[in-house]
Amino acid sequence: MKTIKTHEIPVLLRKRQGDRTQKELAEELGISPQHLGDLLMGNRMPGKALRRKIGIEKRITFVVKENPNGNS
């Protein structure tokens, strides 16, 4: 299992697109070309159904601060 950051989702979609047009990929994914454009620009994140189609899942990570009192 590989972990990716949010900003890597457009890269993943571009790889999946390959030599096809955005319209062709959008049709395969069952979304509008405009929706795909927003995803590729990083202006929108994929919903649950689309994440399932492209083979990713959303997980939330909590990070412990070095100083738990909030002082840097």
N, C-alpha and C. Protein backbone atom coordinates (compact mmCIF):
# COMPACT_ATOMS: atom_id res chain seq x y z
N MET A 1 0.85 -1.17 0.00
CA MET A 1 0.00 0.00 0.00
C MET A 1 0.89 1.24 0.00
N LYS A 2 0.59 2.17 -0.86
CA LYS A 2 1.34 3.41 -0.97
C LYS A 2 0.48 4.56 -0.46
N THR A 3 1.08 5.44 0.31
CA THR A 3 0.38 6.63 0.80
C THR A 3 0.70 7.79 -0.13
N ILE A 4 -0.33 8.54 -0.50
CA ILE A 4 -0.12 9.74 -1.31
C ILE A 4 -0.71 10.94 -0.59
N LYS A 5 -0.20 12.10 -0.90
CA LYS A 5 -0.71 13.35 -0.34
C LYS A 5 -1.82 13.87 -1.25
N THR A 6 -2.62 14.77 -0.73
CA THR A 6 -3.73 15.34 -1.49
C THR A 6 -3.27 15.94 -2.81
N HIS A 7 -2.13 16.63 -2.80
CA HIS A 7 -1.67 17.30 -4.03
C HIS A 7 -1.18 16.30 -5.08
N GLU A 8 -1.09 15.01 -4.74
CA GLU A 8 -0.66 13.99 -5.70
C GLU A 8 -1.83 13.35 -6.44
N ILE A 9 -3.06 13.64 -6.05
CA ILE A 9 -4.22 13.06 -6.71
C ILE A 9 -4.28 13.47 -8.18
N PRO A 10 -4.03 14.74 -8.54
CA PRO A 10 -4.01 15.07 -9.97
C PRO A 10 -2.96 14.28 -10.75
N VAL A 11 -1.81 14.01 -10.15
CA VAL A 11 -0.76 13.23 -10.81
C VAL A 11 -1.26 11.81 -11.07
N LEU A 12 -1.93 11.23 -10.09
CA LEU A 12 -2.49 9.90 -10.23
C LEU A 12 -3.51 9.86 -11.38
N LEU A 13 -4.35 10.88 -11.45
CA LEU A 13 -5.35 10.95 -12.52
C LEU A 13 -4.70 11.13 -13.89
N ARG A 14 -3.65 11.94 -13.96
CA ARG A 14 -2.94 12.15 -15.24
C ARG A 14 -2.32 10.83 -15.72
N LYS A 15 -1.77 10.06 -14.80
CA LYS A 15 -1.21 8.76 -15.18
C LYS A 15 -2.30 7.85 -15.72
N ARG A 16 -3.44 7.87 -15.07
CA ARG A 16 -4.56 7.04 -15.53
C ARG A 16 -5.07 7.50 -16.89
N GLN A 17 -4.99 8.80 -17.14
CA GLN A 17 -5.46 9.36 -18.40
C GLN A 17 -4.61 8.86 -19.57
N GLY A 18 -3.30 8.80 -19.37
CA GLY A 18 -2.42 8.35 -20.44
C GLY A 18 -2.53 9.23 -21.66
N ASP A 19 -2.73 8.61 -22.82
CA ASP A 19 -2.83 9.34 -24.09
C ASP A 19 -4.26 9.75 -24.43
N ARG A 20 -5.18 9.42 -23.56
CA ARG A 20 -6.59 9.74 -23.83
C ARG A 20 -6.89 11.20 -23.54
N THR A 21 -8.00 11.65 -24.05
CA THR A 21 -8.44 13.02 -23.77
C THR A 21 -9.09 13.06 -22.39
N GLN A 22 -9.22 14.28 -21.87
CA GLN A 22 -9.90 14.44 -20.58
C GLN A 22 -11.35 13.97 -20.70
N LYS A 23 -11.96 14.23 -21.85
CA LYS A 23 -13.35 13.82 -22.06
C LYS A 23 -13.47 12.30 -21.97
N GLU A 24 -12.53 11.58 -22.58
CA GLU A 24 -12.57 10.11 -22.53
C GLU A 24 -12.40 9.59 -21.11
N LEU A 25 -11.47 10.18 -20.37
CA LEU A 25 -11.27 9.75 -18.98
C LEU A 25 -12.49 10.08 -18.14
N ALA A 26 -13.06 11.26 -18.33
CA ALA A 26 -14.25 11.64 -17.58
C ALA A 26 -15.39 10.65 -17.83
N GLU A 27 -15.56 10.25 -19.10
CA GLU A 27 -16.61 9.28 -19.43
C GLU A 27 -16.35 7.95 -18.73
N GLU A 28 -15.09 7.50 -18.72
CA GLU A 28 -14.74 6.24 -18.05
C GLU A 28 -15.06 6.31 -16.56
N LEU A 29 -14.79 7.46 -15.95
CA LEU A 29 -14.99 7.63 -14.52
C LEU A 29 -16.43 7.98 -14.15
N GLY A 30 -17.24 8.31 -15.16
CA GLY A 30 -18.64 8.65 -14.90
C GLY A 30 -18.83 10.03 -14.31
N ILE A 31 -17.93 10.96 -14.68
CA ILE A 31 -18.03 12.34 -14.22
C ILE A 31 -17.98 13.27 -15.42
N SER A 32 -18.33 14.52 -15.22
CA SER A 32 -18.29 15.49 -16.31
C SER A 32 -16.84 15.91 -16.58
N PRO A 33 -16.56 16.34 -17.80
CA PRO A 33 -15.22 16.87 -18.09
C PRO A 33 -14.86 18.06 -17.20
N GLN A 34 -15.84 18.86 -16.82
CA GLN A 34 -15.59 20.00 -15.94
C GLN A 34 -15.16 19.52 -14.56
N HIS A 35 -15.83 18.49 -14.06
CA HIS A 35 -15.47 17.92 -12.75
C HIS A 35 -14.05 17.38 -12.81
N LEU A 36 -13.72 16.66 -13.88
CA LEU A 36 -12.36 16.14 -14.04
C LEU A 36 -11.35 17.27 -14.10
N GLY A 37 -11.69 18.34 -14.82
CA GLY A 37 -10.79 19.50 -14.90
C GLY A 37 -10.51 20.07 -13.52
N ASP A 38 -11.54 20.18 -12.70
CA ASP A 38 -11.36 20.68 -11.33
C ASP A 38 -10.45 19.76 -10.52
N LEU A 39 -10.62 18.44 -10.70
CA LEU A 39 -9.76 17.48 -9.99
C LEU A 39 -8.31 17.61 -10.45
N LEU A 40 -8.11 17.75 -11.75
CA LEU A 40 -6.76 17.84 -12.30
C LEU A 40 -6.06 19.14 -11.89
N MET A 41 -6.83 20.18 -11.66
CA MET A 41 -6.26 21.46 -11.22
C MET A 41 -6.08 21.50 -9.70
N GLY A 42 -6.59 20.49 -9.01
CA GLY A 42 -6.48 20.46 -7.56
C GLY A 42 -7.50 21.34 -6.86
N ASN A 43 -8.52 21.77 -7.60
CA ASN A 43 -9.56 22.64 -7.03
C ASN A 43 -10.68 21.85 -6.36
N ARG A 44 -10.64 20.54 -6.50
CA ARG A 44 -11.70 19.70 -5.97
C ARG A 44 -11.10 18.35 -5.60
N MET A 45 -11.63 17.73 -4.58
CA MET A 45 -11.18 16.40 -4.17
C MET A 45 -12.23 15.37 -4.58
N PRO A 46 -11.80 14.17 -4.92
CA PRO A 46 -12.76 13.15 -5.34
C PRO A 46 -13.64 12.68 -4.19
N GLY A 47 -14.90 12.47 -4.49
CA GLY A 47 -15.83 11.94 -3.50
C GLY A 47 -15.62 10.45 -3.32
N LYS A 48 -16.40 9.86 -2.42
CA LYS A 48 -16.24 8.46 -2.05
C LYS A 48 -16.35 7.52 -3.25
N ALA A 49 -17.38 7.70 -4.08
CA ALA A 49 -17.59 6.81 -5.22
C ALA A 49 -16.44 6.91 -6.22
N LEU A 50 -15.96 8.12 -6.47
CA LEU A 50 -14.86 8.30 -7.41
C LEU A 50 -13.56 7.75 -6.83
N ARG A 51 -13.34 7.94 -5.54
CA ARG A 51 -12.15 7.37 -4.91
C ARG A 51 -12.13 5.85 -5.08
N ARG A 52 -13.29 5.24 -4.94
CA ARG A 52 -13.39 3.80 -5.13
C ARG A 52 -13.00 3.41 -6.56
N LYS A 53 -13.49 4.19 -7.54
CA LYS A 53 -13.21 3.89 -8.95
C LYS A 53 -11.73 4.03 -9.29
N ILE A 54 -11.05 4.98 -8.67
CA ILE A 54 -9.63 5.18 -9.01
C ILE A 54 -8.70 4.44 -8.04
N GLY A 55 -9.28 3.71 -7.10
CA GLY A 55 -8.49 2.84 -6.24
C GLY A 55 -7.76 3.52 -5.11
N ILE A 56 -8.37 4.57 -4.56
CA ILE A 56 -7.77 5.20 -3.37
C ILE A 56 -8.83 5.30 -2.28
N GLU A 57 -8.38 5.40 -1.06
CA GLU A 57 -9.30 5.61 0.05
C GLU A 57 -8.79 6.76 0.90
N LYS A 58 -9.72 7.42 1.55
CA LYS A 58 -9.38 8.57 2.38
C LYS A 58 -9.15 8.10 3.81
N ARG A 59 -8.03 8.52 4.36
CA ARG A 59 -7.72 8.26 5.77
C ARG A 59 -7.30 9.56 6.41
N ILE A 60 -7.63 9.72 7.64
CA ILE A 60 -7.27 10.93 8.37
C ILE A 60 -6.11 10.60 9.29
N THR A 61 -5.11 11.45 9.28
CA THR A 61 -3.93 11.24 10.12
C THR A 61 -3.85 12.35 11.15
N PHE A 62 -3.60 11.97 12.38
CA PHE A 62 -3.39 12.94 13.45
C PHE A 62 -1.89 12.98 13.75
N VAL A 63 -1.37 14.18 13.94
CA VAL A 63 0.05 14.36 14.23
C VAL A 63 0.20 14.98 15.60
N VAL A 64 1.05 14.41 16.42
CA VAL A 64 1.29 14.92 17.77
C VAL A 64 2.26 16.08 17.67
N LYS A 65 1.88 17.20 18.25
CA LYS A 65 2.75 18.38 18.27
C LYS A 65 3.92 18.14 19.22
N GLU A 66 5.03 18.76 18.91
CA GLU A 66 6.20 18.60 19.79
C GLU A 66 5.90 19.15 21.19
N ASN A 67 5.21 20.26 21.25
CA ASN A 67 4.85 20.85 22.53
C ASN A 67 3.31 20.83 22.63
N PRO A 68 2.73 19.92 23.39
CA PRO A 68 1.29 19.78 23.44
C PRO A 68 0.54 21.01 23.97
N ASN A 69 1.24 21.95 24.58
CA ASN A 69 0.59 23.16 25.08
C ASN A 69 0.38 24.20 23.98
N GLY A 70 0.84 23.90 22.77
CA GLY A 70 0.64 24.80 21.65
C GLY A 70 1.73 25.82 21.46
N ASN A 71 2.70 25.87 22.33
CA ASN A 71 3.82 26.84 22.16
C ASN A 71 4.87 26.22 21.26
N SER A 72 5.37 27.01 20.35
CA SER A 72 6.38 26.51 19.41
C SER A 72 7.72 26.36 20.04
